PDB file of N, CA and C in Angstrom:
ATOM      1  N   MET A   1     386.002 -52.809 192.338  1.00  0.00           N
ATOM      2  CA  MET A   1     385.533 -51.706 193.139  1.00  0.00           C
ATOM      3  C   MET A   1     384.145 -51.298 192.661  1.00  0.00           C
ATOM      4  N   ARG A   2     383.262 -51.116 193.582  1.00  0.00           N
ATOM      5  CA  ARG A   2     381.900 -50.699 193.269  1.00  0.00           C
ATOM      6  C   ARG A   2     381.860 -49.177 193.133  1.00  0.00           C
ATOM      7  N   ILE A   3     381.311 -48.698 192.039  1.00  0.00           N
ATOM      8  CA  ILE A   3     381.216 -47.262 191.788  1.00  0.00           C
ATOM      9  C   ILE A   3     379.872 -46.772 192.324  1.00  0.00           C
ATOM     10  N   THR A   4     379.916 -45.878 193.291  1.00  0.00           N
ATOM     11  CA  THR A   4     378.701 -45.338 193.896  1.00  0.00           C
ATOM     12  C   THR A   4     378.494 -43.896 193.444  1.00  0.00           C
ATOM     13  N   SER A   5     377.302 -43.384 193.697  1.00  0.00           N
ATOM     14  CA  SER A   5     377.020 -41.982 193.389  1.00  0.00           C
ATOM     15  C   SER A   5     377.973 -41.064 194.134  1.00  0.00           C
ATOM     16  N   GLN A   6     378.314 -41.432 195.353  1.00  0.00           N
ATOM     17  CA  GLN A   6     379.240 -40.620 196.141  1.00  0.00           C
ATOM     18  C   GLN A   6     380.611 -40.546 195.473  1.00  0.00           C
ATOM     19  N   LEU A   7     381.109 -41.674 194.973  1.00  0.00           N
ATOM     20  CA  LEU A   7     382.404 -41.681 194.282  1.00  0.00           C
ATOM     21  C   LEU A   7     382.354 -40.863 193.001  1.00  0.00           C
ATOM     22  N   ILE A   8     381.233 -40.925 192.298  1.00  0.00           N
ATOM     23  CA  ILE A   8     381.081 -40.150 191.066  1.00  0.00           C
ATOM     24  C   ILE A   8     381.094 -38.657 191.381  1.00  0.00           C
ATOM     25  N   CYS A   9     380.378 -38.255 192.411  1.00  0.00           N
ATOM     26  CA  CYS A   9     380.353 -36.839 192.816  1.00  0.00           C
ATOM     27  C   CYS A   9     381.741 -36.376 193.254  1.00  0.00           C
ATOM     28  N   GLN A  10     382.451 -37.216 193.997  1.00  0.00           N
ATOM     29  CA  GLN A  10     383.807 -36.868 194.421  1.00  0.00           C
ATOM     30  C   GLN A  10     384.729 -36.707 193.218  1.00  0.00           C
ATOM     31  N   ALA A  11     384.587 -37.591 192.236  1.00  0.00           N
ATOM     32  CA  ALA A  11     385.410 -37.501 191.025  1.00  0.00           C
ATOM     33  C   ALA A  11     385.120 -36.202 190.274  1.00  0.00           C
ATOM     34  N   ALA A  12     383.860 -35.805 190.231  1.00  0.00           N
ATOM     35  CA  ALA A  12     383.505 -34.543 189.564  1.00  0.00           C
ATOM     36  C   ALA A  12     384.114 -33.359 190.299  1.00  0.00           C
ATOM     37  N   ASP A  13     384.117 -33.410 191.613  1.00  0.00           N
ATOM     38  CA  ASP A  13     384.670 -32.313 192.413  1.00  0.00           C
ATOM     39  C   ASP A  13     386.194 -32.250 192.336  1.00  0.00           C
ATOM     40  N   GLN A  14     386.839 -33.301 191.837  1.00  0.00           N
ATOM     41  CA  GLN A  14     388.301 -33.333 191.729  1.00  0.00           C
ATOM     42  C   GLN A  14     388.799 -32.981 190.328  1.00  0.00           C
ATOM     43  N   LEU A  15     387.894 -32.570 189.448  1.00  0.00           N
ATOM     44  CA  LEU A  15     388.317 -32.166 188.107  1.00  0.00           C
ATOM     45  C   LEU A  15     389.223 -30.949 188.198  1.00  0.00           C
ATOM     46  N   LYS A  16     390.188 -30.880 187.304  1.00  0.00           N
ATOM     47  CA  LYS A  16     391.159 -29.785 187.290  1.00  0.00           C
ATOM     48  C   LYS A  16     390.945 -28.916 186.063  1.00  0.00           C
ATOM     49  N   GLY A  17     391.487 -27.721 186.116  1.00  0.00           N
ATOM     50  CA  GLY A  17     391.427 -26.816 184.979  1.00  0.00           C
ATOM     51  C   GLY A  17     390.236 -25.875 185.046  1.00  0.00           C
ATOM     52  N   PHE A  18     390.126 -25.054 184.026  1.00  0.00           N
ATOM     53  CA  PHE A  18     389.075 -24.059 183.918  1.00  0.00           C
ATOM     54  C   PHE A  18     388.416 -24.175 182.550  1.00  0.00           C
ATOM     55  N   VAL A  19     387.138 -23.808 182.494  1.00  0.00           N
ATOM     56  CA  VAL A  19     386.378 -23.876 181.243  1.00  0.00           C
ATOM     57  C   VAL A  19     385.878 -22.473 180.927  1.00  0.00           C
ATOM     58  N   GLY A  20     385.958 -22.109 179.656  1.00  0.00           N
ATOM     59  CA  GLY A  20     385.435 -20.825 179.220  1.00  0.00           C
ATOM     60  C   GLY A  20     384.810 -20.952 177.851  1.00  0.00           C
ATOM     61  N   LEU A  21     383.783 -20.143 177.599  1.00  0.00           N
ATOM     62  CA  LEU A  21     383.122 -20.140 176.290  1.00  0.00           C
ATOM     63  C   LEU A  21     383.854 -19.161 175.384  1.00  0.00           C
ATOM     64  N   ASN A  22     384.410 -19.667 174.303  1.00  0.00           N
ATOM     65  CA  ASN A  22     385.075 -18.821 173.322  1.00  0.00           C
ATOM     66  C   ASN A  22     384.003 -18.077 172.532  1.00  0.00           C
ATOM     67  N   ARG A  23     383.978 -16.770 172.661  1.00  0.00           N
ATOM     68  CA  ARG A  23     382.924 -15.964 172.032  1.00  0.00           C
ATOM     69  C   ARG A  23     382.996 -15.995 170.515  1.00  0.00           C
ATOM     70  N   LYS A  24     384.183 -16.128 169.940  1.00  0.00           N
ATOM     71  CA  LYS A  24     384.318 -16.143 168.477  1.00  0.00           C
ATOM     72  C   LYS A  24     383.789 -17.435 167.863  1.00  0.00           C
ATOM     73  N   THR A  25     384.140 -18.562 168.493  1.00  0.00           N
ATOM     74  CA  THR A  25     383.759 -19.855 167.915  1.00  0.00           C
ATOM     75  C   THR A  25     382.476 -20.414 168.508  1.00  0.00           C
ATOM     76  N   GLY A  26     382.073 -19.908 169.680  1.00  0.00           N
ATOM     77  CA  GLY A  26     380.891 -20.446 170.350  1.00  0.00           C
ATOM     78  C   GLY A  26     381.118 -21.813 170.961  1.00  0.00           C
ATOM     79  N   ARG A  27     382.389 -22.181 171.176  1.00  0.00           N
ATOM     80  CA  ARG A  27     382.729 -23.492 171.739  1.00  0.00           C
ATOM     81  C   ARG A  27     383.410 -23.330 173.091  1.00  0.00           C
ATOM     82  N   TYR A  28     383.184 -24.308 173.958  1.00  0.00           N
ATOM     83  CA  TYR A  28     383.852 -24.311 175.251  1.00  0.00           C
ATOM     84  C   TYR A  28     385.272 -24.827 175.085  1.00  0.00           C
ATOM     85  N   ILE A  29     386.202 -24.175 175.774  1.00  0.00           N
ATOM     86  CA  ILE A  29     387.589 -24.617 175.751  1.00  0.00           C
ATOM     87  C   ILE A  29     388.061 -24.782 177.194  1.00  0.00           C
ATOM     88  N   VAL A  30     389.096 -25.604 177.365  1.00  0.00           N
ATOM     89  CA  VAL A  30     389.648 -25.885 178.689  1.00  0.00           C
ATOM     90  C   VAL A  30     391.084 -25.369 178.727  1.00  0.00           C
ATOM     91  N   ARG A  31     391.422 -24.732 179.821  1.00  0.00           N
ATOM     92  CA  ARG A  31     392.789 -24.269 180.061  1.00  0.00           C
ATOM     93  C   ARG A  31     393.149 -24.624 181.494  1.00  0.00           C
ATOM     94  N   PHE A  32     394.420 -24.521 181.814  1.00  0.00           N
ATOM     95  CA  PHE A  32     394.869 -24.894 183.150  1.00  0.00           C
ATOM     96  C   PHE A  32     395.314 -23.699 183.970  1.00  0.00           C
ATOM     97  N   SER A  33     395.089 -22.528 183.427  1.00  0.00           N
ATOM     98  CA  SER A  33     395.323 -21.283 184.148  1.00  0.00           C
ATOM     99  C   SER A  33     394.256 -20.305 183.687  1.00  0.00           C
ATOM    100  N   GLU A  34     393.719 -19.523 184.613  1.00  0.00           N
ATOM    101  CA  GLU A  34     392.719 -18.527 184.238  1.00  0.00           C
ATOM    102  C   GLU A  34     393.307 -17.487 183.294  1.00  0.00           C
ATOM    103  N   ASP A  35     394.606 -17.283 183.358  1.00  0.00           N
ATOM    104  CA  ASP A  35     395.262 -16.256 182.550  1.00  0.00           C
ATOM    105  C   ASP A  35     395.473 -16.667 181.100  1.00  0.00           C
ATOM    106  N   SER A  36     395.283 -17.924 180.769  1.00  0.00           N
ATOM    107  CA  SER A  36     395.656 -18.401 179.436  1.00  0.00           C
ATOM    108  C   SER A  36     394.510 -18.399 178.425  1.00  0.00           C
ATOM    109  N   PHE A  37     393.372 -17.814 178.764  1.00  0.00           N
ATOM    110  CA  PHE A  37     392.245 -17.825 177.839  1.00  0.00           C
ATOM    111  C   PHE A  37     392.354 -16.756 176.762  1.00  0.00           C
ATOM    112  N   GLY A  38     392.971 -15.649 177.038  1.00  0.00           N
ATOM    113  CA  GLY A  38     393.075 -14.576 176.059  1.00  0.00           C
ATOM    114  C   GLY A  38     391.812 -13.741 176.009  1.00  0.00           C
ATOM    115  N   MET A  39     391.693 -12.950 174.963  1.00  0.00           N
ATOM    116  CA  MET A  39     390.604 -11.979 174.837  1.00  0.00           C
ATOM    117  C   MET A  39     389.286 -12.605 174.384  1.00  0.00           C
ATOM    118  N   ASP A  40     389.289 -13.827 173.906  1.00  0.00           N
ATOM    119  CA  ASP A  40     388.075 -14.429 173.344  1.00  0.00           C
ATOM    120  C   ASP A  40     387.152 -15.049 174.392  1.00  0.00           C
ATOM    121  N   VAL A  41     387.578 -15.056 175.652  1.00  0.00           N
ATOM    122  CA  VAL A  41     386.749 -15.574 176.737  1.00  0.00           C
ATOM    123  C   VAL A  41     386.641 -14.475 177.790  1.00  0.00           C
ATOM    124  N   ALA A  42     385.412 -14.105 178.121  1.00  0.00           N
ATOM    125  CA  ALA A  42     385.189 -13.070 179.130  1.00  0.00           C
ATOM    126  C   ALA A  42     385.664 -13.553 180.492  1.00  0.00           C
ATOM    127  N   ASP A  43     386.314 -12.670 181.258  1.00  0.00           N
ATOM    128  CA  ASP A  43     386.828 -13.038 182.577  1.00  0.00           C
ATOM    129  C   ASP A  43     385.749 -13.595 183.489  1.00  0.00           C
ATOM    130  N   ASP A  44     384.550 -13.035 183.402  1.00  0.00           N
ATOM    131  CA  ASP A  44     383.475 -13.502 184.284  1.00  0.00           C
ATOM    132  C   ASP A  44     382.835 -14.797 183.793  1.00  0.00           C
ATOM    133  N   GLY A  45     383.312 -15.314 182.652  1.00  0.00           N
ATOM    134  CA  GLY A  45     382.795 -16.569 182.112  1.00  0.00           C
ATOM    135  C   GLY A  45     383.729 -17.739 182.307  1.00  0.00           C
ATOM    136  N   ILE A  46     384.802 -17.544 183.063  1.00  0.00           N
ATOM    137  CA  ILE A  46     385.764 -18.617 183.318  1.00  0.00           C
ATOM    138  C   ILE A  46     385.333 -19.357 184.585  1.00  0.00           C
ATOM    139  N   ILE A  47     385.140 -20.667 184.455  1.00  0.00           N
ATOM    140  CA  ILE A  47     384.585 -21.483 185.536  1.00  0.00           C
ATOM    141  C   ILE A  47     385.524 -22.661 185.811  1.00  0.00           C
ATOM    142  N   PRO A  48     385.805 -22.976 187.085  1.00  0.00           N
ATOM    143  CA  PRO A  48     386.567 -24.204 187.351  1.00  0.00           C
ATOM    144  C   PRO A  48     385.821 -25.413 186.779  1.00  0.00           C
ATOM    145  N   ALA A  49     386.547 -26.342 186.195  1.00  0.00           N
ATOM    146  CA  ALA A  49     385.922 -27.521 185.571  1.00  0.00           C
ATOM    147  C   ALA A  49     385.054 -28.286 186.566  1.00  0.00           C
ATOM    148  N   SER A  50     385.467 -28.305 187.838  1.00  0.00           N
ATOM    149  CA  SER A  50     384.706 -29.036 188.854  1.00  0.00           C
ATOM    150  C   SER A  50     383.340 -28.402 189.120  1.00  0.00           C
ATOM    151  N   GLU A  51     383.169 -27.137 188.777  1.00  0.00           N
ATOM    152  CA  GLU A  51     381.864 -26.467 188.910  1.00  0.00           C
ATOM    153  C   GLU A  51     381.100 -26.490 187.597  1.00  0.00           C
ATOM    154  N   PHE A  52     381.826 -26.492 186.494  1.00  0.00           N
ATOM    155  CA  PHE A  52     381.222 -26.456 185.160  1.00  0.00           C
ATOM    156  C   PHE A  52     380.280 -27.628 184.917  1.00  0.00           C
ATOM    157  N   VAL A  53     380.609 -28.806 185.445  1.00  0.00           N
ATOM    158  CA  VAL A  53     379.826 -30.017 185.170  1.00  0.00           C
ATOM    159  C   VAL A  53     378.525 -30.096 185.964  1.00  0.00           C
ATOM    160  N   TRP A  54     378.329 -29.191 186.916  1.00  0.00           N
ATOM    161  CA  TRP A  54     377.118 -29.157 187.734  1.00  0.00           C
ATOM    162  C   TRP A  54     376.202 -28.051 187.238  1.00  0.00           C
ATOM    163  N   ALA A  55     374.905 -28.335 187.176  1.00  0.00           N
ATOM    164  CA  ALA A  55     373.905 -27.341 186.781  1.00  0.00           C
ATOM    165  C   ALA A  55     372.815 -27.280 187.852  1.00  0.00           C
ATOM    166  N   PRO A  56     372.216 -26.099 188.031  1.00  0.00           N
ATOM    167  CA  PRO A  56     371.120 -26.008 189.004  1.00  0.00           C
ATOM    168  C   PRO A  56     370.039 -27.033 188.686  1.00  0.00           C
ATOM    169  N   GLY A  57     369.572 -27.690 189.723  1.00  0.00           N
ATOM    170  CA  GLY A  57     368.536 -28.700 189.563  1.00  0.00           C
ATOM    171  C   GLY A  57     367.303 -28.319 190.349  1.00  0.00           C
ATOM    172  N   PRO A  58     366.483 -29.303 190.694  1.00  0.00           N
ATOM    173  CA  PRO A  58     365.264 -29.020 191.448  1.00  0.00           C
ATOM    174  C   PRO A  58     365.583 -28.537 192.866  1.00  0.00           C
ATOM    175  N   GLU A  59     364.842 -27.537 193.288  1.00  0.00           N
ATOM    176  CA  GLU A  59     364.992 -26.951 194.621  1.00  0.00           C
ATOM    177  C   GLU A  59     366.440 -26.532 194.848  1.00  0.00           C
ATOM    178  N   GLN A  60     367.085 -27.030 195.901  1.00  0.00           N
ATOM    179  CA  GLN A  60     368.463 -26.623 196.194  1.00  0.00           C
ATOM    180  C   GLN A  60     369.499 -27.606 195.639  1.00  0.00           C
ATOM    181  N   ALA A  61     369.038 -28.630 194.961  1.00  0.00           N
ATOM    182  CA  ALA A  61     369.944 -29.644 194.422  1.00  0.00           C
ATOM    183  C   ALA A  61     370.618 -29.143 193.147  1.00  0.00           C
ATOM    184  N   MET A  62     371.712 -29.802 192.797  1.00  0.00           N
ATOM    185  CA  MET A  62     372.386 -29.568 191.526  1.00  0.00           C
ATOM    186  C   MET A  62     372.449 -30.907 190.800  1.00  0.00           C
ATOM    187  N   THR A  63     372.531 -30.851 189.488  1.00  0.00           N
ATOM    188  CA  THR A  63     372.553 -32.062 188.672  1.00  0.00           C
ATOM    189  C   THR A  63     373.900 -32.178 187.971  1.00  0.00           C
ATOM    190  N   LEU A  64     374.499 -33.360 188.040  1.00  0.00           N
ATOM    191  CA  LEU A  64     375.756 -33.640 187.360  1.00  0.00           C
ATOM    192  C   LEU A  64     375.433 -33.979 185.906  1.00  0.00           C
ATOM    193  N   LYS A  65     375.732 -33.046 185.010  1.00  0.00           N
ATOM    194  CA  LYS A  65     375.279 -33.121 183.620  1.00  0.00           C
ATOM    195  C   LYS A  65     376.246 -33.911 182.738  1.00  0.00           C
ATOM    196  N   ARG A  66     375.724 -34.942 182.126  1.00  0.00           N
ATOM    197  CA  ARG A  66     376.544 -35.759 181.224  1.00  0.00           C
ATOM    198  C   ARG A  66     376.997 -34.966 180.008  1.00  0.00           C
ATOM    199  N   ASP A  67     376.129 -34.083 179.484  1.00  0.00           N
ATOM    200  CA  ASP A  67     376.526 -33.337 178.288  1.00  0.00           C
ATOM    201  C   ASP A  67     377.695 -32.391 178.585  1.00  0.00           C
ATOM    202  N   LEU A  68     377.779 -31.869 179.809  1.00  0.00           N
ATOM    203  CA  LEU A  68     378.893 -31.000 180.165  1.00  0.00           C
ATOM    204  C   LEU A  68     380.169 -31.802 180.406  1.00  0.00           C
ATOM    205  N   ILE A  69     380.033 -32.997 180.987  1.00  0.00           N
ATOM    206  CA  ILE A  69     381.193 -33.885 181.120  1.00  0.00           C
ATOM    207  C   ILE A  69     381.692 -34.272 179.736  1.00  0.00           C
ATOM    208  N   GLN A  70     380.767 -34.522 178.812  1.00  0.00           N
ATOM    209  CA  GLN A  70     381.162 -34.895 177.454  1.00  0.00           C
ATOM    210  C   GLN A  70     381.963 -33.788 176.787  1.00  0.00           C
ATOM    211  N   LEU A  71     381.622 -32.523 177.045  1.00  0.00           N
ATOM    212  CA  LEU A  71     382.410 -31.411 176.504  1.00  0.00           C
ATOM    213  C   LEU A  71     383.856 -31.487 176.981  1.00  0.00           C
ATOM    214  N   LEU A  72     384.054 -31.904 178.224  1.00  0.00           N
ATOM    215  CA  LEU A  72     385.412 -32.063 178.739  1.00  0.00           C
ATOM    216  C   LEU A  72     386.104 -33.266 178.096  1.00  0.00           C
ATOM    217  N   LEU A  73     385.373 -34.374 177.955  1.00  0.00           N
ATOM    218  CA  LEU A  73     385.945 -35.568 177.317  1.00  0.00           C
ATOM    219  C   LEU A  73     386.358 -35.291 175.875  1.00  0.00           C
ATOM    220  N   ASP A  74     385.604 -34.447 175.199  1.00  0.00           N
ATOM    221  CA  ASP A  74     385.904 -34.121 173.803  1.00  0.00           C
ATOM    222  C   ASP A  74     387.221 -33.362 173.634  1.00  0.00           C
ATOM    223  N   GLN A  75     387.757 -32.836 174.721  1.00  0.00           N
ATOM    224  CA  GLN A  75     389.045 -32.124 174.666  1.00  0.00           C
ATOM    225  C   GLN A  75     390.224 -33.095 174.570  1.00  0.00           C
ATOM    226  N   HIS A  76     390.006 -34.373 174.905  1.00  0.00           N
ATOM    227  CA  HIS A  76     391.040 -35.428 174.844  1.00  0.00           C
ATOM    228  C   HIS A  76     392.252 -35.107 175.716  1.00  0.00           C
ATOM    229  N   ILE A  77     391.994 -34.594 176.902  1.00  0.00           N
ATOM    230  CA  ILE A  77     393.065 -34.301 177.861  1.00  0.00           C
ATOM    231  C   ILE A  77     392.694 -34.914 179.212  1.00  0.00           C
ATOM    232  N   ASP A  78     392.177 -36.131 179.168  1.00  0.00           N
ATOM    233  CA  ASP A  78     391.619 -36.792 180.343  1.00  0.00           C
ATOM    234  C   ASP A  78     392.555 -36.792 181.553  1.00  0.00           C
ATOM    235  N   ASP A  79     393.834 -37.130 181.345  1.00  0.00           N
ATOM    236  CA  ASP A  79     394.767 -37.204 182.473  1.00  0.00           C
ATOM    237  C   ASP A  79     395.014 -35.832 183.076  1.00  0.00           C
ATOM    238  N   ARG A  80     395.189 -34.837 182.245  1.00  0.00           N
ATOM    239  CA  ARG A  80     395.477 -33.485 182.759  1.00  0.00           C
ATOM    240  C   ARG A  80     394.285 -32.902 183.505  1.00  0.00           C
ATOM    241  N   ILE A  81     393.089 -33.208 183.021  1.00  0.00           N
ATOM    242  CA  ILE A  81     391.897 -32.645 183.662  1.00  0.00           C
ATOM    243  C   ILE A  81     391.405 -33.525 184.804  1.00  0.00           C
ATOM    244  N   ASN A  82     392.001 -34.703 184.937  1.00  0.00           N
ATOM    245  CA  ASN A  82     391.712 -35.640 186.032  1.00  0.00           C
ATOM    246  C   ASN A  82     390.344 -36.317 185.887  1.00  0.00           C
ATOM    247  N   ILE A  83     390.031 -36.760 184.691  1.00  0.00           N
ATOM    248  CA  ILE A  83     388.816 -37.561 184.495  1.00  0.00           C
ATOM    249  C   ILE A  83     389.165 -38.997 184.894  1.00  0.00           C
ATOM    250  N   THR A  84     388.499 -39.470 185.944  1.00  0.00           N
ATOM    251  CA  THR A  84     388.825 -40.774 186.513  1.00  0.00           C
ATOM    252  C   THR A  84     387.719 -41.794 186.217  1.00  0.00           C
ATOM    253  N   GLU A  85     387.967 -43.028 186.628  1.00  0.00           N
ATOM    254  CA  GLU A  85     387.066 -44.145 186.331  1.00  0.00           C
ATOM    255  C   GLU A  85     385.619 -43.923 186.772  1.00  0.00           C
ATOM    256  N   PRO A  86     385.355 -43.357 187.953  1.00  0.00           N
ATOM    257  CA  PRO A  86     383.951 -43.148 188.316  1.00  0.00           C
ATOM    258  C   PRO A  86     383.183 -42.280 187.304  1.00  0.00           C
ATOM    259  N   LEU A  87     383.838 -41.257 186.744  1.00  0.00           N
ATOM    260  CA  LEU A  87     383.156 -40.431 185.736  1.00  0.00           C
ATOM    261  C   LEU A  87     382.956 -41.196 184.429  1.00  0.00           C
ATOM    262  N   ARG A  88     383.902 -42.058 184.081  1.00  0.00           N
ATOM    263  CA  ARG A  88     383.749 -42.879 182.866  1.00  0.00           C
ATOM    264  C   ARG A  88     382.569 -43.842 183.024  1.00  0.00           C
ATOM    265  N   VAL A  89     382.440 -44.428 184.208  1.00  0.00           N
ATOM    266  CA  VAL A  89     381.315 -45.335 184.472  1.00  0.00           C
ATOM    267  C   VAL A  89     380.005 -44.558 184.389  1.00  0.00           C
ATOM    268  N   TYR A  90     379.962 -43.382 184.995  1.00  0.00           N
ATOM    269  CA  TYR A  90     378.766 -42.532 184.941  1.00  0.00           C
ATOM    270  C   TYR A  90     378.376 -42.226 183.496  1.00  0.00           C
ATOM    271  N   MET A  91     379.360 -41.927 182.670  1.00  0.00           N
ATOM    272  CA  MET A  91     379.082 -41.611 181.264  1.00  0.00           C
ATOM    273  C   MET A  91     378.611 -42.843 180.486  1.00  0.00           C
ATOM    274  N   SER A  92     379.046 -44.014 180.881  1.00  0.00           N
ATOM    275  CA  SER A  92     378.654 -45.225 180.152  1.00  0.00           C
ATOM    276  C   SER A  92     377.269 -45.726 180.541  1.00  0.00           C
ATOM    277  N   ARG A  93     376.738 -45.266 181.642  1.00  0.00           N
ATOM    278  CA  ARG A  93     375.430 -45.728 182.127  1.00  0.00           C
ATOM    279  C   ARG A  93     374.336 -44.725 181.760  1.00  0.00           C
ATOM    280  N   GLN A  94     374.120 -44.551 180.478  1.00  0.00           N
ATOM    281  CA  GLN A  94     373.143 -43.578 179.981  1.00  0.00           C
ATOM    282  C   GLN A  94     371.710 -43.903 180.402  1.00  0.00           C
ATOM    283  N   GLN A  95     371.432 -45.178 180.689  1.00  0.00           N
ATOM    284  CA  GLN A  95     370.078 -45.574 181.076  1.00  0.00           C
ATOM    285  C   GLN A  95     369.744 -45.155 182.509  1.00  0.00           C
ATOM    286  N   VAL A  96     370.770 -44.823 183.301  1.00  0.00           N
ATOM    287  CA  VAL A  96     370.580 -44.383 184.688  1.00  0.00           C
ATOM    288  C   VAL A  96     370.407 -42.865 184.686  1.00  0.00           C
ATOM    289  N   PRO A  97     369.420 -42.344 185.425  1.00  0.00           N
ATOM    290  CA  PRO A  97     369.222 -40.884 185.448  1.00  0.00           C
ATOM    291  C   PRO A  97     370.462 -40.145 185.946  1.00  0.00           C
ATOM    292  N   GLU A  98     370.586 -38.887 185.537  1.00  0.00           N
ATOM    293  CA  GLU A  98     371.689 -38.063 186.012  1.00  0.00           C
ATOM    294  C   GLU A  98     371.587 -37.885 187.532  1.00  0.00           C
ATOM    295  N   ILE A  99     372.723 -37.750 188.159  1.00  0.00           N
ATOM    296  CA  ILE A  99     372.786 -37.600 189.617  1.00  0.00           C
ATOM    297  C   ILE A  99     372.373 -36.188 189.999  1.00  0.00           C
ATOM    298  N   SER A 100     371.491 -36.088 190.986  1.00  0.00           N
ATOM    299  CA  SER A 100     371.157 -34.809 191.609  1.00  0.00           C
ATOM    300  C   SER A 100     371.604 -34.876 193.054  1.00  0.00           C
ATOM    301  N   ALA A 101     372.233 -33.804 193.525  1.00  0.00           N
ATOM    302  CA  ALA A 101     372.755 -33.792 194.883  1.00  0.00           C
ATOM    303  C   ALA A 101     372.719 -32.378 195.439  1.00  0.00           C
ATOM    304  N   VAL A 102     372.580 -32.294 196.749  1.00  0.00           N
ATOM    305  CA  VAL A 102     372.725 -31.012 197.429  1.00  0.00           C
ATOM    306  C   VAL A 102     374.199 -30.897 197.773  1.00  0.00           C
ATOM    307  N   ARG A 103     374.830 -29.845 197.268  1.00  0.00           N
ATOM    308  CA  ARG A 103     376.260 -29.666 197.483  1.00  0.00           C
ATOM    309  C   ARG A 103     376.475 -28.578 198.531  1.00  0.00           C
ATOM    310  N   ARG A 104     377.422 -28.833 199.414  1.00  0.00           N
ATOM    311  CA  ARG A 104     377.749 -27.858 200.460  1.00  0.00           C
ATOM    312  C   ARG A 104     379.269 -27.726 200.556  1.00  0.00           C
ATOM    313  N   LEU A 105     379.713 -26.542 200.884  1.00  0.00           N
ATOM    314  CA  LEU A 105     381.129 -26.309 201.113  1.00  0.00           C
ATOM    315  C   LEU A 105     381.497 -26.866 202.477  1.00  0.00           C
ATOM    316  N   VAL A 106     382.481 -27.736 202.498  1.00  0.00           N
ATOM    317  CA  VAL A 106     382.941 -28.333 203.753  1.00  0.00           C
ATOM    318  C   VAL A 106     384.245 -27.643 204.140  1.00  0.00           C
ATOM    319  N   GLN A 107     384.273 -27.095 205.334  1.00  0.00           N
ATOM    320  CA  GLN A 107     385.496 -26.440 205.826  1.00  0.00           C
ATOM    321  C   GLN A 107     386.501 -27.502 206.225  1.00  0.00           C
ATOM    322  N   GLY A 108     387.740 -27.390 205.726  1.00  0.00           N
ATOM    323  CA  GLY A 108     388.747 -28.405 205.986  1.00  0.00           C
ATOM    324  C   GLY A 108     389.741 -28.052 206.991  1.00  0.00           C
TER     325      GLY A 108
END
């Protein structure tokens, strides 16, 4: 199967769980419920993992950040968070620039 930028973006949008910055340790942690972070993560700092990996880019585009994906990989919960083959390929191709894309909400 050929891995395209579109498949990589779709894989990023299918990530599960939530990410929050632990104020005491200064480290990002992943949970599977917004309620399970406790007092060390501010409520307004809890982000769905599928949004966490995207950062504002040039103009209206967003950039799929490898360093943020790596933070998720470092949790060693790949199956639970739904890290799939397209994201692994993206992470292995460090010589290829990060993907920038204009993202829009599609009504289903």
